[in-house]
PDB file of all heavy atoms in Angstrom:
ATOM      1  N   TYR A   1       1.673   5.192  14.436  1.00  0.00           N
ATOM      2  CA  TYR A   1       2.384   5.037  13.174  1.00  0.00           C
ATOM      3  C   TYR A   1       1.603   4.235  12.135  1.00  0.00           C
ATOM      4  O   TYR A   1       1.575   4.601  10.952  1.00  0.00           O
ATOM      5  CB  TYR A   1       3.741   4.370  13.406  1.00  0.00           C
ATOM      6  CG  TYR A   1       4.806   5.271  14.006  1.00  0.00           C
ATOM      7  CD1 TYR A   1       6.049   4.766  14.387  1.00  0.00           C
ATOM      8  CD2 TYR A   1       4.584   6.637  14.200  1.00  0.00           C
ATOM      9  CE1 TYR A   1       7.026   5.571  14.929  1.00  0.00           C
ATOM     10  CE2 TYR A   1       5.544   7.462  14.745  1.00  0.00           C
ATOM     11  CZ  TYR A   1       6.778   6.913  15.107  1.00  0.00           C
ATOM     12  OH  TYR A   1       7.737   7.723  15.653  1.00  0.00           O
ATOM     13  N   VAL A   2       0.974   3.141  12.546  1.00  0.00           N
ATOM     14  CA  VAL A   2       0.259   2.306  11.579  1.00  0.00           C
ATOM     15  C   VAL A   2      -0.876   3.092  10.929  1.00  0.00           C
ATOM     16  O   VAL A   2      -1.069   3.054   9.702  1.00  0.00           O
ATOM     17  CB  VAL A   2      -0.276   1.031  12.248  1.00  0.00           C
ATOM     18  CG1 VAL A   2      -1.146   0.235  11.269  1.00  0.00           C
ATOM     19  CG2 VAL A   2       0.865   0.154  12.745  1.00  0.00           C
ATOM     20  N   GLY A   3      -1.626   3.827  11.734  1.00  0.00           N
ATOM     21  CA  GLY A   3      -2.735   4.619  11.199  1.00  0.00           C
ATOM     22  C   GLY A   3      -2.278   5.708  10.257  1.00  0.00           C
ATOM     23  O   GLY A   3      -2.921   5.975   9.227  1.00  0.00           O
ATOM     24  N   ILE A   4      -1.146   6.359  10.582  1.00  0.00           N
ATOM     25  CA  ILE A   4      -0.617   7.411   9.706  1.00  0.00           C
ATOM     26  C   ILE A   4      -0.182   6.816   8.371  1.00  0.00           C
ATOM     27  O   ILE A   4      -0.484   7.363   7.296  1.00  0.00           O
ATOM     28  CB  ILE A   4       0.561   8.143  10.392  1.00  0.00           C
ATOM     29  CG1 ILE A   4       0.073   8.887  11.641  1.00  0.00           C
ATOM     30  CG2 ILE A   4       1.231   9.118   9.421  1.00  0.00           C
ATOM     31  CD1 ILE A   4       1.186   9.417  12.511  1.00  0.00           C
ATOM     32  N   ALA A   5       0.516   5.680   8.435  1.00  0.00           N
ATOM     33  CA  ALA A   5       0.951   5.026   7.193  1.00  0.00           C
ATOM     34  C   ALA A   5      -0.250   4.593   6.361  1.00  0.00           C
ATOM     35  O   ALA A   5      -0.237   4.696   5.123  1.00  0.00           O
ATOM     36  CB  ALA A   5       1.836   3.828   7.519  1.00  0.00           C
ATOM     37  N   ALA A   6      -1.310   4.117   7.016  1.00  0.00           N
ATOM     38  CA  ALA A   6      -2.517   3.699   6.300  1.00  0.00           C
ATOM     39  C   ALA A   6      -3.157   4.866   5.564  1.00  0.00           C
ATOM     40  O   ALA A   6      -3.752   4.683   4.488  1.00  0.00           O
ATOM     41  CB  ALA A   6      -3.513   3.079   7.279  1.00  0.00           C
ATOM     42  N   ASP A   7      -3.053   6.068   6.114  1.00  0.00           N
ATOM     43  CA  ASP A   7      -3.629   7.236   5.458  1.00  0.00           C
ATOM     44  C   ASP A   7      -2.787   7.709   4.273  1.00  0.00           C
ATOM     45  O   ASP A   7      -3.282   8.435   3.408  1.00  0.00           O
ATOM     46  CB  ASP A   7      -3.788   8.377   6.469  1.00  0.00           C
ATOM     47  CG  ASP A   7      -4.941   8.133   7.430  1.00  0.00           C
ATOM     48  OD1 ASP A   7      -5.690   7.152   7.226  1.00  0.00           O
ATOM     49  OD2 ASP A   7      -5.087   8.918   8.393  1.00  0.00           O
ATOM     50  N   ILE A   8      -1.512   7.312   4.232  1.00  0.00           N
ATOM     51  CA  ILE A   8      -0.643   7.628   3.095  1.00  0.00           C
ATOM     52  C   ILE A   8      -0.822   6.603   1.975  1.00  0.00           C
ATOM     53  O   ILE A   8      -0.684   6.914   0.788  1.00  0.00           O
ATOM     54  CB  ILE A   8       0.838   7.658   3.547  1.00  0.00           C
ATOM     55  CG1 ILE A   8       1.052   8.809   4.533  1.00  0.00           C
ATOM     56  CG2 ILE A   8       1.787   7.792   2.354  1.00  0.00           C
ATOM     57  CD1 ILE A   8       2.392   8.755   5.249  1.00  0.00           C
ATOM     58  N   LEU A   9      -1.158   5.378   2.344  1.00  0.00           N
ATOM     59  CA  LEU A   9      -1.217   4.256   1.408  1.00  0.00           C
ATOM     60  C   LEU A   9      -2.076   4.492   0.161  1.00  0.00           C
ATOM     61  O   LEU A   9      -1.721   3.988  -0.919  1.00  0.00           O
ATOM     62  CB  LEU A   9      -1.691   3.008   2.152  1.00  0.00           C
ATOM     63  CG  LEU A   9      -1.700   1.687   1.392  1.00  0.00           C
ATOM     64  CD1 LEU A   9      -0.311   1.352   0.846  1.00  0.00           C
ATOM     65  CD2 LEU A   9      -2.211   0.555   2.283  1.00  0.00           C
ATOM     66  N   PRO A  10      -3.200   5.229   0.226  1.00  0.00           N
ATOM     67  CA  PRO A  10      -3.961   5.448  -1.009  1.00  0.00           C
ATOM     68  C   PRO A  10      -3.154   6.067  -2.145  1.00  0.00           C
ATOM     69  O   PRO A  10      -3.456   5.810  -3.319  1.00  0.00           O
ATOM     70  CB  PRO A  10      -5.093   6.385  -0.559  1.00  0.00           C
ATOM     71  CG  PRO A  10      -5.311   6.020   0.880  1.00  0.00           C
ATOM     72  CD  PRO A  10      -3.930   5.740   1.414  1.00  0.00           C
ATOM     73  N   HIS A  11      -2.125   6.843  -1.830  1.00  0.00           N
ATOM     74  CA  HIS A  11      -1.341   7.462  -2.904  1.00  0.00           C
ATOM     75  C   HIS A  11      -0.600   6.427  -3.746  1.00  0.00           C
ATOM     76  O   HIS A  11      -0.773   6.389  -4.976  1.00  0.00           O
ATOM     77  CB  HIS A  11      -0.373   8.498  -2.335  1.00  0.00           C
ATOM     78  CG  HIS A  11      -1.011   9.806  -1.998  1.00  0.00           C
ATOM     79  ND1 HIS A  11      -1.965  10.404  -2.799  1.00  0.00           N
ATOM     80  CD2 HIS A  11      -0.826  10.653  -0.945  1.00  0.00           C
ATOM     81  CE1 HIS A  11      -2.350  11.550  -2.260  1.00  0.00           C
ATOM     82  NE2 HIS A  11      -1.679  11.715  -1.142  1.00  0.00           N
ATOM     83  N   PRO A  12       0.261   5.560  -3.162  1.00  0.00           N
ATOM     84  CA  PRO A  12       0.938   4.589  -4.025  1.00  0.00           C
ATOM     85  C   PRO A  12      -0.007   3.601  -4.702  1.00  0.00           C
ATOM     86  O   PRO A  12       0.226   3.218  -5.859  1.00  0.00           O
ATOM     87  CB  PRO A  12       1.909   3.879  -3.069  1.00  0.00           C
ATOM     88  CG  PRO A  12       1.418   4.164  -1.696  1.00  0.00           C
ATOM     89  CD  PRO A  12       0.765   5.502  -1.771  1.00  0.00           C
ATOM     90  N   ILE A  13      -1.081   3.198  -4.013  1.00  0.00           N
ATOM     91  CA  ILE A  13      -2.019   2.269  -4.642  1.00  0.00           C
ATOM     92  C   ILE A  13      -2.689   2.914  -5.852  1.00  0.00           C
ATOM     93  O   ILE A  13      -2.832   2.298  -6.913  1.00  0.00           O
ATOM     94  CB  ILE A  13      -3.080   1.780  -3.631  1.00  0.00           C
ATOM     95  CG1 ILE A  13      -2.428   1.014  -2.476  1.00  0.00           C
ATOM     96  CG2 ILE A  13      -4.121   0.902  -4.326  1.00  0.00           C
ATOM     97  CD1 ILE A  13      -1.678  -0.220  -2.898  1.00  0.00           C
ATOM     98  N   SER A  14      -3.094   4.173  -5.724  1.00  0.00           N
ATOM     99  CA  SER A  14      -3.755   4.848  -6.847  1.00  0.00           C
ATOM    100  C   SER A  14      -2.800   5.067  -8.014  1.00  0.00           C
ATOM    101  O   SER A  14      -3.214   5.038  -9.186  1.00  0.00           O
ATOM    102  CB  SER A  14      -4.362   6.179  -6.390  1.00  0.00           C
ATOM    103  OG  SER A  14      -3.364   7.076  -5.938  1.00  0.00           O
ATOM    104  N   ILE A  15      -1.520   5.266  -7.730  1.00  0.00           N
ATOM    105  CA  ILE A  15      -0.520   5.384  -8.801  1.00  0.00           C
ATOM    106  C   ILE A  15      -0.409   4.065  -9.559  1.00  0.00           C
ATOM    107  O   ILE A  15      -0.388   4.036 -10.793  1.00  0.00           O
ATOM    108  CB  ILE A  15       0.848   5.804  -8.226  1.00  0.00           C
ATOM    109  CG1 ILE A  15       0.784   7.239  -7.700  1.00  0.00           C
ATOM    110  CG2 ILE A  15       1.944   5.683  -9.290  1.00  0.00           C
ATOM    111  CD1 ILE A  15       1.950   7.618  -6.824  1.00  0.00           C
ATOM    112  N   LEU A  16      -0.351   2.964  -8.818  1.00  0.00           N
ATOM    113  CA  LEU A  16      -0.303   1.644  -9.460  1.00  0.00           C
ATOM    114  C   LEU A  16      -1.546   1.398 -10.304  1.00  0.00           C
ATOM    115  O   LEU A  16      -1.459   0.835 -11.408  1.00  0.00           O
ATOM    116  CB  LEU A  16      -0.173   0.555  -8.391  1.00  0.00           C
ATOM    117  CG  LEU A  16       1.168   0.483  -7.658  1.00  0.00           C
ATOM    118  CD1 LEU A  16       1.080  -0.477  -6.477  1.00  0.00           C
ATOM    119  CD2 LEU A  16       2.285   0.047  -8.613  1.00  0.00           C
ATOM    120  N   GLN A  17      -2.702   1.829  -9.821  1.00  0.00           N
ATOM    121  CA  GLN A  17      -3.936   1.663 -10.595  1.00  0.00           C
ATOM    122  C   GLN A  17      -3.859   2.422 -11.912  1.00  0.00           C
ATOM    123  O   GLN A  17      -4.375   1.961 -12.939  1.00  0.00           O
ATOM    124  CB  GLN A  17      -5.134   2.159  -9.783  1.00  0.00           C
ATOM    125  CG  GLN A  17      -5.500   1.252  -8.614  1.00  0.00           C
ATOM    126  CD  GLN A  17      -6.611   1.842  -7.766  1.00  0.00           C
ATOM    127  OE1 GLN A  17      -6.762   3.065  -7.683  1.00  0.00           O
ATOM    128  NE2 GLN A  17      -7.383   0.987  -7.117  1.00  0.00           N
ATOM    129  N   ARG A  18      -3.220   3.576 -11.901  1.00  0.00           N
ATOM    130  CA  ARG A  18      -3.112   4.377 -13.122  1.00  0.00           C
ATOM    131  C   ARG A  18      -2.096   3.772 -14.087  1.00  0.00           C
ATOM    132  O   ARG A  18      -2.290   3.826 -15.311  1.00  0.00           O
ATOM    133  CB  ARG A  18      -2.719   5.804 -12.770  1.00  0.00           C
ATOM    134  CG  ARG A  18      -2.841   6.794 -13.917  1.00  0.00           C
ATOM    135  CD  ARG A  18      -3.522   8.049 -13.477  1.00  0.00           C
ATOM    136  NE  ARG A  18      -3.508   9.062 -14.544  1.00  0.00           N
ATOM    137  CZ  ARG A  18      -4.457   9.160 -15.463  1.00  0.00           C
ATOM    138  NH1 ARG A  18      -5.481   8.335 -15.437  1.00  0.00           N
ATOM    139  NH2 ARG A  18      -4.387  10.113 -16.394  1.00  0.00           N
ATOM    140  N   LEU A  19      -1.039   3.185 -13.557  1.00  0.00           N
ATOM    141  CA  LEU A  19      -0.017   2.586 -14.410  1.00  0.00           C
ATOM    142  C   LEU A  19      -0.450   1.233 -14.954  1.00  0.00           C
ATOM    143  O   LEU A  19      -0.110   0.876 -16.092  1.00  0.00           O
ATOM    144  CB  LEU A  19       1.287   2.409 -13.626  1.00  0.00           C
ATOM    145  CG  LEU A  19       1.993   3.680 -13.129  1.00  0.00           C
ATOM    146  CD1 LEU A  19       3.257   3.299 -12.356  1.00  0.00           C
ATOM    147  CD2 LEU A  19       2.338   4.613 -14.285  1.00  0.00           C
ATOM    148  N   LEU A  20      -1.190   0.470 -14.139  1.00  0.00           N
ATOM    149  CA  LEU A  20      -1.593  -0.892 -14.496  1.00  0.00           C
ATOM    150  C   LEU A  20      -3.109  -1.021 -14.345  1.00  0.00           C
ATOM    151  O   LEU A  20      -3.595  -1.658 -13.409  1.00  0.00           O
ATOM    152  CB  LEU A  20      -0.880  -1.908 -13.600  1.00  0.00           C
ATOM    153  CG  LEU A  20       0.649  -1.857 -13.572  1.00  0.00           C
ATOM    154  CD1 LEU A  20       1.188  -2.769 -12.475  1.00  0.00           C
ATOM    155  CD2 LEU A  20       1.236  -2.236 -14.936  1.00  0.00           C
ATOM    156  N   PRO A  21      -3.890  -0.423 -15.236  1.00  0.00           N
ATOM    157  CA  PRO A  21      -5.349  -0.423 -15.091  1.00  0.00           C
ATOM    158  C   PRO A  21      -5.921  -1.836 -14.963  1.00  0.00           C
ATOM    159  O   PRO A  21      -5.578  -2.731 -15.731  1.00  0.00           O
ATOM    160  CB  PRO A  21      -5.829   0.243 -16.384  1.00  0.00           C
ATOM    161  CG  PRO A  21      -4.668   1.038 -16.868  1.00  0.00           C
ATOM    162  CD  PRO A  21      -3.457   0.276 -16.457  1.00  0.00           C
ATOM    163  N   GLY A  22      -6.753  -2.024 -13.950  1.00  0.00           N
ATOM    164  CA  GLY A  22      -7.425  -3.297 -13.749  1.00  0.00           C
ATOM    165  C   GLY A  22      -6.594  -4.378 -13.096  1.00  0.00           C
ATOM    166  O   GLY A  22      -7.109  -5.456 -12.793  1.00  0.00           O
ATOM    167  N   ALA A  23      -5.306  -4.107 -12.843  1.00  0.00           N
ATOM    168  CA  ALA A  23      -4.423  -5.149 -12.307  1.00  0.00           C
ATOM    169  C   ALA A  23      -4.251  -5.076 -10.797  1.00  0.00           C
ATOM    170  O   ALA A  23      -3.774  -6.031 -10.187  1.00  0.00           O
ATOM    171  CB  ALA A  23      -3.046  -5.059 -12.975  1.00  0.00           C
ATOM    172  N   ILE A  24      -4.621  -3.955 -10.187  1.00  0.00           N
ATOM    173  CA  ILE A  24      -4.385  -3.767  -8.752  1.00  0.00           C
ATOM    174  C   ILE A  24      -5.696  -3.945  -8.004  1.00  0.00           C
ATOM    175  O   ILE A  24      -6.486  -3.011  -7.839  1.00  0.00           O
ATOM    176  CB  ILE A  24      -3.796  -2.371  -8.448  1.00  0.00           C
ATOM    177  CG1 ILE A  24      -2.592  -2.097  -9.347  1.00  0.00           C
ATOM    178  CG2 ILE A  24      -3.408  -2.265  -6.980  1.00  0.00           C
ATOM    179  CD1 ILE A  24      -1.445  -3.059  -9.159  1.00  0.00           C
ATOM    180  N   GLY A  25      -5.953  -5.164  -7.567  1.00  0.00           N
ATOM    181  CA  GLY A  25      -7.159  -5.447  -6.808  1.00  0.00           C
ATOM    182  C   GLY A  25      -6.831  -5.948  -5.423  1.00  0.00           C
ATOM    183  O   GLY A  25      -5.679  -6.279  -5.121  1.00  0.00           O
ATOM    184  N   PRO A  26      -7.811  -6.032  -4.552  1.00  0.00           N
ATOM    185  CA  PRO A  26      -7.567  -6.475  -3.181  1.00  0.00           C
ATOM    186  C   PRO A  26      -7.182  -7.942  -3.087  1.00  0.00           C
ATOM    187  O   PRO A  26      -6.673  -8.395  -2.064  1.00  0.00           O
ATOM    188  CB  PRO A  26      -8.904  -6.211  -2.487  1.00  0.00           C
ATOM    189  CG  PRO A  26      -9.923  -6.232  -3.585  1.00  0.00           C
ATOM    190  CD  PRO A  26      -9.211  -5.684  -4.788  1.00  0.00           C
ATOM    191  N   SER A  27      -7.425  -8.699  -4.178  1.00  0.00           N
ATOM    192  CA  SER A  27      -7.136 -10.123  -4.136  1.00  0.00           C
ATOM    193  C   SER A  27      -5.659 -10.439  -4.347  1.00  0.00           C
ATOM    194  O   SER A  27      -5.239 -11.581  -4.212  1.00  0.00           O
ATOM    195  CB  SER A  27      -7.959 -10.849  -5.210  1.00  0.00           C
ATOM    196  OG  SER A  27      -7.638 -10.356  -6.507  1.00  0.00           O
ATOM    197  N   ALA A  28      -4.846  -9.425  -4.691  1.00  0.00           N
ATOM    198  CA  ALA A  28      -3.412  -9.659  -4.876  1.00  0.00           C
ATOM    199  C   ALA A  28      -2.821 -10.196  -3.572  1.00  0.00           C
ATOM    200  O   ALA A  28      -3.256  -9.846  -2.473  1.00  0.00           O
ATOM    201  CB  ALA A  28      -2.722  -8.362  -5.285  1.00  0.00           C
ATOM    202  N   ASP A  29      -1.817 -11.033  -3.713  1.00  0.00           N
ATOM    203  CA  ASP A  29      -1.180 -11.648  -2.545  1.00  0.00           C
ATOM    204  C   ASP A  29      -0.156 -10.674  -1.974  1.00  0.00           C
ATOM    205  O   ASP A  29       1.039 -10.756  -2.249  1.00  0.00           O
ATOM    206  CB  ASP A  29      -0.520 -12.967  -2.957  1.00  0.00           C
ATOM    207  CG  ASP A  29       0.067 -13.711  -1.764  1.00  0.00           C
ATOM    208  OD1 ASP A  29      -0.329 -13.391  -0.620  1.00  0.00           O
ATOM    209  OD2 ASP A  29       0.918 -14.592  -1.982  1.00  0.00           O
ATOM    210  N   TRP A  30      -0.636  -9.737  -1.159  1.00  0.00           N
ATOM    211  CA  TRP A  30       0.232  -8.706  -0.603  1.00  0.00           C
ATOM    212  C   TRP A  30       0.983  -9.230   0.620  1.00  0.00           C
ATOM    213  O   TRP A  30       0.382  -9.742   1.555  1.00  0.00           O
ATOM    214  CB  TRP A  30      -0.581  -7.475  -0.186  1.00  0.00           C
ATOM    215  CG  TRP A  30      -1.140  -6.684  -1.325  1.00  0.00           C
ATOM    216  CD1 TRP A  30      -2.400  -6.762  -1.838  1.00  0.00           C
ATOM    217  CD2 TRP A  30      -0.449  -5.704  -2.099  1.00  0.00           C
ATOM    218  NE1 TRP A  30      -2.546  -5.892  -2.883  1.00  0.00           N
ATOM    219  CE2 TRP A  30      -1.371  -5.223  -3.068  1.00  0.00           C
ATOM    220  CE3 TRP A  30       0.844  -5.168  -2.069  1.00  0.00           C
ATOM    221  CZ2 TRP A  30      -1.033  -4.244  -3.993  1.00  0.00           C
ATOM    222  CZ3 TRP A  30       1.179  -4.199  -2.991  1.00  0.00           C
ATOM    223  CH2 TRP A  30       0.253  -3.743  -3.938  1.00  0.00           C
ATOM    224  N   LYS A  31       2.306  -9.092   0.594  1.00  0.00           N
ATOM    225  CA  LYS A  31       3.117  -9.346   1.772  1.00  0.00           C
ATOM    226  C   LYS A  31       3.339  -8.004   2.461  1.00  0.00           C
ATOM    227  O   LYS A  31       3.831  -7.059   1.843  1.00  0.00           O
ATOM    228  CB  LYS A  31       4.456  -9.978   1.389  1.00  0.00           C
ATOM    229  CG  LYS A  31       5.339 -10.285   2.587  1.00  0.00           C
ATOM    230  CD  LYS A  31       6.653 -10.928   2.162  1.00  0.00           C
ATOM    231  CE  LYS A  31       7.522 -11.222   3.383  1.00  0.00           C
ATOM    232  NZ  LYS A  31       8.827 -11.831   2.983  1.00  0.00           N
ATOM    233  N   ILE A  32       2.962  -7.912   3.709  1.00  0.00           N
ATOM    234  CA  ILE A  32       2.992  -6.640   4.434  1.00  0.00           C
ATOM    235  C   ILE A  32       3.848  -6.782   5.687  1.00  0.00           C
ATOM    236  O   ILE A  32       3.644  -7.712   6.472  1.00  0.00           O
ATOM    237  CB  ILE A  32       1.567  -6.196   4.815  1.00  0.00           C
ATOM    238  CG1 ILE A  32       0.705  -6.039   3.556  1.00  0.00           C
ATOM    239  CG2 ILE A  32       1.596  -4.896   5.608  1.00  0.00           C
ATOM    240  CD1 ILE A  32      -0.765  -5.778   3.842  1.00  0.00           C
ATOM    241  N   THR A  33       4.803  -5.879   5.843  1.00  0.00           N
ATOM    242  CA  THR A  33       5.656  -5.900   7.027  1.00  0.00           C
ATOM    243  C   THR A  33       5.733  -4.506   7.635  1.00  0.00           C
ATOM    244  O   THR A  33       5.492  -3.505   6.960  1.00  0.00           O
ATOM    245  CB  THR A  33       7.086  -6.365   6.700  1.00  0.00           C
ATOM    246  OG1 THR A  33       7.698  -5.418   5.810  1.00  0.00           O
ATOM    247  CG2 THR A  33       7.081  -7.729   6.042  1.00  0.00           C
ATOM    248  N   GLY A  34       6.068  -4.461   8.911  1.00  0.00           N
ATOM    249  CA  GLY A  34       6.216  -3.180   9.590  1.00  0.00           C
ATOM    250  C   GLY A  34       7.258  -3.262  10.681  1.00  0.00           C
ATOM    251  O   GLY A  34       7.475  -4.321  11.269  1.00  0.00           O
ATOM    252  N   GLU A  35       7.910  -2.141  10.931  1.00  0.00           N
ATOM    253  CA  GLU A  35       8.926  -2.059  11.974  1.00  0.00           C
ATOM    254  C   GLU A  35       8.515  -1.011  13.004  1.00  0.00           C
ATOM    255  O   GLU A  35       7.804  -0.045  12.677  1.00  0.00           O
ATOM    256  CB  GLU A  35      10.283  -1.687  11.377  1.00  0.00           C
ATOM    257  CG  GLU A  35      10.836  -2.713  10.394  1.00  0.00           C
ATOM    258  CD  GLU A  35      11.095  -4.057  11.045  1.00  0.00           C
ATOM    259  OE1 GLU A  35      11.420  -4.088  12.251  1.00  0.00           O
ATOM    260  OE2 GLU A  35      10.967  -5.085  10.348  1.00  0.00           O
ATOM    261  N   PRO A  36       8.960  -1.165  14.252  1.00  0.00           N
ATOM    262  CA  PRO A  36       8.579  -0.196  15.295  1.00  0.00           C
ATOM    263  C   PRO A  36       9.013   1.234  15.002  1.00  0.00           C
ATOM    264  O   PRO A  36       8.449   2.177  15.560  1.00  0.00           O
ATOM    265  CB  PRO A  36       9.299  -0.742  16.542  1.00  0.00           C
ATOM    266  CG  PRO A  36       9.471  -2.198  16.283  1.00  0.00           C
ATOM    267  CD  PRO A  36       9.711  -2.315  14.811  1.00  0.00           C
ATOM    268  N   ASN A  37      10.000   1.420  14.114  1.00  0.00           N
ATOM    269  CA  ASN A  37      10.452   2.780  13.805  1.00  0.00           C
ATOM    270  C   ASN A  37       9.549   3.483  12.789  1.00  0.00           C
ATOM    271  O   ASN A  37       9.852   4.592  12.336  1.00  0.00           O
ATOM    272  CB  ASN A  37      11.898   2.767  13.311  1.00  0.00           C
ATOM    273  CG  ASN A  37      12.052   2.116  11.940  1.00  0.00           C
ATOM    274  OD1 ASN A  37      11.088   1.597  11.361  1.00  0.00           O
ATOM    275  ND2 ASN A  37      13.262   2.125  11.410  1.00  0.00           N
ATOM    276  N   GLY A  38       8.440   2.832  12.409  1.00  0.00           N
ATOM    277  CA  GLY A  38       7.503   3.471  11.493  1.00  0.00           C
ATOM    278  C   GLY A  38       7.835   3.291  10.033  1.00  0.00           C
ATOM    279  O   GLY A  38       7.497   4.144   9.204  1.00  0.00           O
ATOM    280  N   THR A  39       8.497   2.192   9.687  1.00  0.00           N
ATOM    281  CA  THR A  39       8.800   1.879   8.289  1.00  0.00           C
ATOM    282  C   THR A  39       8.030   0.630   7.890  1.00  0.00           C
ATOM    283  O   THR A  39       8.127  -0.402   8.561  1.00  0.00           O
ATOM    284  CB  THR A  39      10.306   1.668   8.085  1.00  0.00           C
ATOM    285  OG1 THR A  39      11.000   2.874   8.431  1.00  0.00           O
ATOM    286  CG2 THR A  39      10.622   1.324   6.632  1.00  0.00           C
ATOM    287  N   PHE A  40       7.278   0.725   6.797  1.00  0.00           N
ATOM    288  CA  PHE A  40       6.371  -0.339   6.381  1.00  0.00           C
ATOM    289  C   PHE A  40       6.624  -0.686   4.921  1.00  0.00           C
ATOM    290  O   PHE A  40       6.972   0.189   4.116  1.00  0.00           O
ATOM    291  CB  PHE A  40       4.920   0.100   6.555  1.00  0.00           C
ATOM    292  CG  PHE A  40       4.598   0.590   7.942  1.00  0.00           C
ATOM    293  CD1 PHE A  40       4.738   1.937   8.270  1.00  0.00           C
ATOM    294  CD2 PHE A  40       4.182  -0.295   8.930  1.00  0.00           C
ATOM    295  CE1 PHE A  40       4.456   2.389   9.550  1.00  0.00           C
ATOM    296  CE2 PHE A  40       3.912   0.142  10.208  1.00  0.00           C
ATOM    297  CZ  PHE A  40       4.040   1.488  10.527  1.00  0.00           C
ATOM    298  N   THR A  41       6.444  -1.956   4.577  1.00  0.00           N
ATOM    299  CA  THR A  41       6.575  -2.372   3.183  1.00  0.00           C
ATOM    300  C   THR A  41       5.381  -3.227   2.782  1.00  0.00           C
ATOM    301  O   THR A  41       4.824  -3.967   3.598  1.00  0.00           O
ATOM    302  CB  THR A  41       7.861  -3.184   2.936  1.00  0.00           C
ATOM    303  OG1 THR A  41       7.808  -4.402   3.688  1.00  0.00           O
ATOM    304  CG2 THR A  41       9.091  -2.385   3.311  1.00  0.00           C
TER     305      THR A  41
END
């Protein structure tokens, strides 16, 4: 599940990059959670 979700993740990140140019970098303080049922935030 984690690997599958990681392969989907480029889509929402790239959307944010288009909406907020220059604001979405790796240095952002990302809070990341996951559940065994395959739901991640």
